[in-house]
Amino acid sequence: MDKFELQKLRDLPIEGVAERLGLQVRMHKCLCPFHDDHHASLTFSMRRNTFRCFACGASGGTIDLVMRRLNLGFKEACRWLGGAELVNGSGLMVNGGDLIHHTSSILPHTSFDASRYERFFERPWLSTEARKFLSDERRIDQRVVRWCRLTSWQDKHGIPWLQIPYYNRERQLVGIQNRNLSKENRAPRFRFPQGSECGIYNLPVLNRLAKGEPLYITEGCSDCWAMLSSGHKAIAIPSATLLKPKDVEQLSTLSSQLSTPFHMFPDQDEPGERLFLQLRQLLPNLEHHQLPPGCKDYSDYYRLMVHD
């Protein structure tokens, strides 16, 4: 496992990891499982994405928490995190290029309360940092920003966040990804509200596909915005490659009923190529496109095309 993949595991929401391990988190605290605790002495830092017990001294990040809670070694804890249903509650996981069924026996999936967040996306608002990130840095078309209903907010520590809604095909809010826009490393890169289902991004676009029209698959939201800004219909599938059975069924149905050709520009790294090979097991007609030299991902390629 390379540094890129390890960082993704460390960036998983620490409280989400704790809940999948069976801990009952309330107000960023819970009973410490590492000693006989009766007063919720284990605390979680959202800014650092870490845990610490002020009674027994246990502390660390996501991988450390899994190692201590399940009595696993480092590699085994990473494998557990890679297959845990932390974000999208998947019943399928990809492991070593093979699809296998995975069911967590630790804790039922926490439901996502969409009613708490829907109003934020009714009238999206972009802060100066969000506008700079989307327009100046990423060159994203404003029509794409409106279609995706991107909005922003600032936490009590003054850290600006881009709020990215995930919708199912019926435009029902099922999850949220918060992206840290701060240039300082004062908080995790991403945060997810409890129960967020962040599997396939931009599912509503499937309703606009005509028969035989190509659909592009990207690795992350930023690449998806770039692909949409290029005039292509696109979805994003996280590099963790966790897919729900119903998501797999939707993609397979497109292939069989609409004769949808699938295309992908994999990131220029090992995880990107591995994701392509894994997805090709599900979508045999997925076509590989090579990015030009110097472009790590499609966002880089898009900015190069816009600049030229």
Foldseek 3Di string as FASTA:
>chain_A
DDPVLVLVLQLQQLVLLVVLQPFDDDPQFTADPPDPGDDGQWGADQQAQKIAGPPPGDIDHSQSVQCVSVVDDSVVSSVCSLPGCRAANAQWAADPLDIDGDDRPRHDADADDLVVPPVCLVDAAADPLRCCVQCVVLNFDVVLCNVQSKHWDADPVRWIWIKGFAAALVRRTQWIWIATSDPDSRGRRIDIPGRHRDFKGPNVLVVVDAQQAEEEEFADDSLCSLCVSVVHHYIYGHLSPGDHPVRLVVVVCCCVPRVYAYEYAFFPDDSRVSSVSSVCVSVVRYYYDYDDPPGRGNSSVSVVVVVD
